Amino acid sequence: MSECDYLLVSITAGSSEEGERIARTLVQERLAACVNVIPAITSIYRWQGEVHRDNEVLLIAKSRSELFESLAARVKELHSYEVPEIIALPITAGSEAYLNWIDESTHYEPKL
């Protein structure tokens, strides 16, 4: 696989409990090799015509491109937000050992 086959997926959640539940599920279900849970971020955003300010947690999941749709669908099932942030950025470079670990820690079953 090339580096572009790997992703960092950014997800915000409304609480540490929700963030940790989503993170644990993604790793247990092998949709992500690792999810960092970064507490206490402040988000300022526009929603339904108004500007809001909320405290959130940020999840950064390490995964593979071929798993993104399944990962995003699972986050939507688990998330309390109507429109959760699920943004993927390509990993354009990384150590071979780390990328191999992502491969070993995630699972992909092609749809027939």
Protein backbone atom coordinates (compact mmCIF):
# COMPACT_ATOMS: atom_id res chain seq x y z
CA MET A 1 0.00 0.00 0.00
CA SER A 2 1.08 3.58 -0.55
CA GLU A 3 0.96 6.28 2.10
CA CYS A 4 -2.16 7.80 0.49
CA ASP A 5 -4.02 4.61 1.38
CA TYR A 6 -3.95 5.77 5.01
CA LEU A 7 -6.03 8.45 6.70
CA LEU A 8 -6.24 10.64 9.76
CA VAL A 9 -9.94 11.07 10.54
CA SER A 10 -11.01 14.04 12.64
CA ILE A 11 -14.20 13.64 14.70
CA THR A 12 -15.55 15.97 17.38
CA ALA A 13 -17.81 14.85 20.23
CA GLY A 14 -19.79 16.70 22.87
CA SER A 15 -18.27 14.97 25.90
CA SER A 16 -15.32 12.85 26.97
CA GLU A 17 -17.65 9.93 27.62
CA GLU A 18 -19.10 10.05 24.10
CA GLY A 19 -15.64 10.51 22.56
CA GLU A 20 -14.17 7.57 24.44
CA ARG A 21 -17.16 5.36 23.56
CA ILE A 22 -16.78 6.17 19.87
CA ALA A 23 -12.99 5.73 20.00
CA ARG A 24 -13.19 2.37 21.78
CA THR A 25 -15.82 1.08 19.32
CA LEU A 26 -13.79 2.09 16.26
CA VAL A 27 -10.69 0.32 17.60
CA GLN A 28 -12.58 -2.76 18.85
CA GLU A 29 -14.31 -3.13 15.48
CA ARG A 30 -10.95 -2.67 13.70
CA LEU A 31 -12.15 0.37 11.76
CA ALA A 32 -9.25 2.34 13.27
CA ALA A 33 -5.87 1.23 14.55
CA CYS A 34 -5.75 3.99 17.15
CA VAL A 35 -7.89 6.95 18.18
CA ASN A 36 -6.43 9.85 20.14
CA VAL A 37 -8.96 11.57 22.42
CA ILE A 38 -7.97 15.19 22.93
CA PRO A 39 -9.99 16.80 25.72
CA ALA A 40 -11.15 20.35 26.21
CA ILE A 41 -11.23 21.99 22.81
CA THR A 42 -13.41 25.01 22.16
CA SER A 43 -15.40 25.00 18.93
CA ILE A 44 -16.99 28.10 17.44
CA TYR A 45 -19.29 27.29 14.54
CA ARG A 46 -22.40 28.32 12.66
CA TRP A 47 -25.43 26.05 13.08
CA GLN A 48 -28.98 26.78 11.94
CA GLY A 49 -28.19 30.43 11.28
CA GLU A 50 -26.57 31.15 14.64
CA VAL A 51 -22.99 31.23 15.87
CA HIS A 52 -22.36 28.81 18.73
CA ARG A 53 -19.47 28.21 21.13
CA ASP A 54 -19.17 24.79 22.74
CA ASN A 55 -16.65 22.70 24.60
CA GLU A 56 -15.92 19.45 22.78
CA VAL A 57 -13.37 16.68 22.56
CA LEU A 58 -11.42 15.95 19.39
CA LEU A 59 -10.85 12.41 18.15
CA ILE A 60 -8.07 11.67 15.69
CA ALA A 61 -8.41 8.19 14.22
CA LYS A 62 -5.70 6.43 12.22
CA SER A 63 -7.23 4.22 9.56
CA ARG A 64 -7.17 3.20 5.91
CA SER A 65 -8.92 4.82 2.96
CA GLU A 66 -10.86 1.66 2.13
CA LEU A 67 -12.42 1.71 5.62
CA PHE A 68 -13.58 5.33 5.58
CA GLU A 69 -17.18 4.72 4.52
CA SER A 70 -17.66 2.01 7.15
CA LEU A 71 -15.94 4.13 9.81
CA ALA A 72 -18.09 7.18 8.97
CA ALA A 73 -21.29 5.12 9.02
CA ARG A 74 -20.38 3.68 12.43
CA VAL A 75 -19.60 7.12 13.86
CA LYS A 76 -23.00 8.39 12.64
CA GLU A 77 -24.71 5.46 14.40
CA LEU A 78 -22.91 6.15 17.68
CA HIS A 79 -22.90 9.96 17.66
CA SER A 80 -25.38 12.27 19.39
CA TYR A 81 -24.97 15.08 16.84
CA GLU A 82 -27.34 15.46 13.91
CA VAL A 83 -24.36 16.28 11.66
CA PRO A 84 -21.13 15.02 13.29
CA GLU A 85 -17.74 16.13 12.04
CA ILE A 86 -16.12 13.26 10.17
CA ILE A 87 -13.26 14.63 8.06
CA ALA A 88 -10.51 12.51 6.54
CA LEU A 89 -7.04 13.77 5.66
CA PRO A 90 -4.61 11.61 3.69
CA ILE A 91 -1.40 10.50 5.32
CA THR A 92 1.13 11.47 2.67
CA ALA A 93 4.18 10.11 4.49
CA GLY A 94 4.81 7.85 7.45
CA SER A 95 7.24 5.31 8.81
CA GLU A 96 6.89 1.93 7.15
CA ALA A 97 6.64 0.22 10.54
CA TYR A 98 3.78 2.48 11.67
CA LEU A 99 1.86 2.08 8.41
CA ASN A 100 2.31 -1.70 8.63
CA TRP A 101 0.92 -1.55 12.17
CA ILE A 102 -2.18 0.27 10.86
CA ASP A 103 -2.61 -2.53 8.31
CA GLU A 104 -2.28 -5.21 10.99
CA SER A 105 -4.63 -3.42 13.40
CA THR A 106 -7.48 -2.74 10.98
CA HIS A 107 -9.64 -5.10 9.02
CA TYR A 108 -11.16 -4.80 5.58
CA GLU A 109 -13.62 -7.19 3.99
CA PRO A 110 -14.38 -6.33 0.39
CA LYS A 111 -18.05 -6.16 -0.49
CA LEU A 112 -19.03 -8.85 -2.95
